[in-house]
Every structure is written in C-alpha cells, then in structure tokens.
Protein backbone atom coordinates (compact mmCIF):
# COMPACT_ATOMS: atom_id res chain seq x y z
CA MET A 1 42.66 -44.22 56.49
CA SER A 2 41.28 -47.66 55.69
CA GLU A 3 39.56 -48.42 52.41
CA ASP A 4 36.18 -48.76 54.14
CA GLU A 5 36.60 -45.35 55.78
CA SER A 6 37.65 -43.70 52.52
CA ILE A 7 34.57 -45.15 50.78
CA ILE A 8 32.46 -43.28 53.35
CA TYR A 9 34.48 -40.09 53.80
CA GLY A 10 35.15 -39.44 50.08
CA PRO A 11 31.51 -39.00 49.06
CA LEU A 12 30.63 -37.41 52.40
CA THR A 13 33.28 -34.69 52.15
CA SER A 14 32.35 -34.07 48.53
CA TRP A 15 28.70 -33.67 49.56
CA VAL A 16 29.66 -31.29 52.39
CA PHE A 17 31.79 -29.08 50.10
CA GLN A 18 29.10 -28.99 47.43
CA GLY A 19 26.57 -28.08 50.15
CA MET A 20 28.81 -25.25 51.33
CA MET A 21 29.00 -23.96 47.74
CA GLU A 22 25.20 -24.10 47.51
CA ILE A 23 24.89 -22.15 50.75
CA GLY A 24 27.38 -19.64 49.31
CA ASP A 25 25.17 -19.39 46.21
CA SER A 26 22.25 -18.42 48.45
CA PHE A 27 24.06 -15.15 49.19
CA SER A 28 24.76 -14.47 45.52
CA GLU A 29 22.61 -12.00 43.60
CA SER A 30 22.81 -14.06 40.40
CA GLN A 31 22.64 -17.67 41.66
CA GLY A 32 20.51 -18.25 44.77
CA PHE A 33 20.04 -21.45 46.76
CA SER A 34 18.71 -24.42 44.80
CA TYR A 35 17.19 -27.38 46.61
CA GLU A 36 17.33 -29.23 43.27
CA ASP A 37 21.11 -28.89 43.30
CA MET A 38 21.23 -30.22 46.86
CA VAL A 39 19.09 -33.20 45.89
CA MET A 40 21.33 -33.99 42.91
CA ASN A 41 24.49 -33.50 45.04
CA THR A 42 23.07 -36.06 47.47
CA VAL A 43 22.21 -38.49 44.66
CA GLY A 44 25.71 -38.09 43.20
CA ALA A 45 27.47 -38.66 46.54
CA ALA A 46 25.26 -41.71 47.24
CA PHE A 47 25.94 -43.09 43.76
CA TYR A 48 29.70 -42.83 44.24
CA TYR A 49 29.44 -44.51 47.66
CA VAL A 50 27.57 -47.44 46.06
CA ARG A 51 29.96 -47.42 43.08
CA GLU A 52 33.02 -47.77 45.30
CA LYS A 53 31.44 -50.21 47.74
CA TYR A 54 30.28 -52.61 45.03
CA PRO A 55 32.86 -53.22 42.24
CA GLU A 56 30.24 -54.76 39.92
CA VAL A 57 28.44 -51.40 39.83
CA LYS A 58 31.71 -49.57 39.16
CA SER A 59 32.51 -51.82 36.19
CA LYS A 60 29.08 -51.16 34.60
CA LEU A 61 28.04 -47.55 35.41
CA ASP A 62 29.63 -44.11 35.22
CA LEU A 63 28.25 -40.65 35.99
CA ARG A 64 29.98 -38.17 33.70
CA LEU A 65 30.20 -34.52 32.87
CA GLU A 66 30.64 -33.34 29.30
CA TYR A 67 32.02 -29.83 29.02
CA ILE A 68 33.51 -27.63 26.32
CA PRO A 69 34.18 -24.11 27.62
CA ASP A 70 33.28 -21.15 25.40
CA PHE A 71 36.36 -18.92 25.76
CA ASN A 72 34.67 -16.14 23.76
CA SER A 73 31.85 -15.80 26.28
CA ASP A 74 31.40 -13.04 28.82
CA VAL A 75 30.46 -15.75 31.35
CA ASP A 76 33.42 -17.18 33.29
CA ILE A 77 34.35 -20.77 32.51
CA PHE A 78 33.24 -22.03 35.97
CA THR A 79 29.62 -20.99 35.51
CA GLN A 80 29.09 -21.81 31.84
CA TYR A 81 26.28 -24.24 32.51
CA ASN A 82 25.21 -23.95 28.85
CA SER A 83 28.44 -25.74 27.98
CA MET A 84 27.73 -28.76 30.20
CA LYS A 85 25.88 -32.02 29.82
CA TYR A 86 25.34 -34.61 32.53
CA LEU A 87 25.03 -38.29 31.74
CA MET A 88 25.07 -41.84 33.02
CA ALA A 89 26.79 -44.49 30.92
CA LEU A 90 26.06 -48.21 30.97
CA LYS A 91 29.36 -49.76 29.87
CA PHE A 92 29.18 -53.03 27.96
CA SER A 93 32.73 -53.83 29.09
CA GLY A 94 31.37 -54.48 32.59
CA PHE A 95 29.39 -57.52 31.48
CA GLU A 96 31.16 -60.88 31.35
CA SER A 97 29.43 -61.87 28.12
CA MET A 98 30.88 -58.85 26.32
CA GLU A 99 34.25 -58.27 27.95
CA ASP A 100 36.16 -60.24 25.31
CA THR A 101 34.19 -59.01 22.29
CA PRO A 102 34.29 -55.78 20.27
CA MET A 103 31.07 -54.79 22.08
CA LYS A 104 33.19 -53.84 25.10
CA TYR A 105 34.08 -50.63 23.25
CA PHE A 106 30.45 -49.42 23.29
CA GLU A 107 28.00 -48.12 25.86
CA LEU A 108 24.47 -46.83 26.28
CA GLN A 109 24.06 -43.31 27.64
CA LEU A 110 21.27 -41.35 29.29
CA GLY A 111 21.89 -37.63 29.63
CA TYR A 112 20.39 -34.24 30.38
CA TYR A 113 21.25 -30.64 29.58
CA THR A 114 19.65 -27.20 29.51
CA ARG A 115 20.21 -24.12 27.39
CA GLY A 116 19.03 -20.52 27.88
CA TYR A 117 18.30 -20.53 31.59
CA GLN A 118 20.77 -17.86 32.72
CA ALA A 119 19.76 -14.19 32.81
CA SER A 120 22.62 -13.22 30.47
CA GLU A 121 21.64 -15.70 27.75
CA ASP A 122 20.94 -14.68 24.18
CA TYR A 123 18.87 -17.81 23.53
CA LEU A 124 15.45 -17.07 22.11
CA ASP A 125 13.95 -20.21 23.62
CA LYS A 126 14.79 -22.18 26.72
CA GLU A 127 15.65 -25.85 26.31
CA ARG A 128 15.57 -28.80 28.72
CA VAL A 129 16.73 -31.88 26.84
CA ILE A 130 16.91 -35.46 28.00
CA TYR A 131 18.64 -37.83 25.61
CA ALA A 132 19.63 -41.42 25.11
CA GLY A 133 22.44 -42.50 22.90
CA ILE A 134 24.94 -45.10 21.96
CA GLY A 135 28.59 -44.22 22.24
CA ILE A 136 32.16 -45.31 22.24
CA ASN A 137 33.61 -46.26 25.62
CA SER A 138 36.66 -44.00 25.26
CA SER A 139 38.12 -45.23 28.54
CA GLU A 140 38.14 -48.81 27.23
CA VAL A 141 39.74 -47.68 23.95
CA LEU A 142 42.57 -45.89 25.78
CA LYS A 143 43.05 -48.88 28.06
CA ALA A 144 43.41 -51.16 25.01
CA MET A 145 46.09 -48.79 23.67
CA GLY A 146 48.06 -49.19 26.92
CA TRP A 147 47.08 -45.83 28.44
CA GLU A 148 45.47 -47.32 31.55
CA LYS A 149 46.14 -44.38 33.90
CA THR A 150 44.95 -41.81 31.36
CA SER A 151 41.83 -43.86 30.63
CA LYS A 152 40.55 -43.48 34.19
CA ILE A 153 39.68 -39.78 33.77
CA LEU A 154 37.18 -40.81 31.08
CA ASN A 155 35.12 -42.60 33.76
CA TYR A 156 34.18 -39.05 34.88
CA TYR A 157 34.55 -36.89 31.78
CA GLN A 158 32.68 -37.55 28.52
CA LEU A 159 34.59 -36.77 25.36
CA PRO A 160 32.38 -34.69 23.03
CA TYR A 161 31.24 -36.18 19.72
CA THR A 162 31.92 -39.77 20.77
CA TYR A 163 28.23 -40.79 20.83
CA VAL A 164 25.03 -40.39 18.84
CA PRO A 165 22.24 -38.90 20.99
CA PHE A 166 18.50 -38.89 20.41
CA GLY A 167 16.71 -36.41 22.64
CA TYR A 168 13.47 -34.80 23.67
CA ASP A 169 13.12 -31.08 24.54
CA PHE A 170 10.57 -30.60 27.31
CA ASP A 171 10.21 -26.86 26.58
CA SER A 172 9.43 -27.06 22.85
CA GLU A 173 7.91 -30.57 23.24
CA GLU A 174 9.86 -31.77 20.23
CA TYR A 175 12.26 -34.58 19.52
CA VAL A 176 15.85 -33.47 18.99
CA ALA A 177 17.87 -34.93 16.12
CA PRO A 178 21.53 -35.81 16.86
CA TYR A 179 23.72 -32.70 16.99
CA SER A 180 20.94 -30.45 15.64
CA ARG A 181 21.25 -28.04 18.59
CA PRO A 182 24.15 -25.72 19.41
CA TYR A 183 26.81 -27.61 21.24
CA TYR A 184 28.01 -25.10 23.79
CA GLY A 185 28.09 -21.45 24.71
CA ASN A 186 25.36 -18.91 25.29
CA LYS A 187 24.26 -18.02 21.79
CA LYS A 188 21.66 -19.90 19.76
C-alpha cells in the first residue's frame, strides 16, 4: 500500500472498527449507543488523517489518552472510564524558534475527564472536568536520552503526573486545583 493510501485507510479502518464497537454497545444492557462517541470517533479519525497528511501538524499536536487502571475495582480494565483522561498537547518542540532551546521539553495541554457517570460508581457527585495545563514533553525527553523508538508511544499515551493541570468542573461549577480530585478508580 502506498503512503497516500495508508494515510486514508488507517484512520478510515479505525473509524469503522470503533463504529462497529459502538453498534455492539447498542445491544448491551449497560452501555447503549452513544452518538457523542460516534462524533468523537469521527473527529479523532479526521484529526489523525490531517496529522499524517501534514507533517507540520504532527510535529506540533498530539491527541493522547491518560490511563491508570484500578486493579482493585470490580469493573474490568477495558471499561474503567473513570481511570481515563483525554487531552490534546501543543508541543513546543514543533516550533522552529524553540526546537534548539530547553523549551522544547515543555507543552501546553487541554484535557477532559469525567467521574461518577457509571451505574456502579460509588461517587457521591458526578464530575465533568475540562482542564488546561503545562507539562513535560516526555516523548522529547526520551528522544534526547536516545530512546527514539520508545519515545513514539508517548505521542499517544500521556504519562501521569507529568503536568500541572488547572480545571473547571461543570457539574459543581467550581474550579479544580491541581491534583485535588481522585486520580483514578471508582471511589471518591
């Protein structure tokens, strides 16, 4: 397959498989179909098409998942949504003016997470938090240490505790101090 074809078929097949999972969820008693998930699946697939098609976007922006499974939970590790955070990172290393400075090891992040929205949750209150933060570009750090292949996974996975977030909870209508909320799991 040519590079141009793979740039199209990679995001497209990902979108199709995620859509099939969402259709499967529609038959589940606990999940159900979510048009919001389909919209975000479409946005994610389109983002990765643009990211691969235009290298300048790839050098500056990442979409990442942050996840620490709670192995003591009754919920299986594949549906522990309370242990996940979704974020976009603007990497300073992608800008020419910063690529040869210590600033290349930093990034700005915009993220979102929820807590307490599953039926089995022990949370007293539901939380929908959007946050902005400044963090360490862990991928760039590993690359500088000579671990170039290993560093690539960190374009997709966010290492926990490598940034300082400042958030806002839409449910309580309060600002959230850095790391003042439980980090993962289903207990508040």
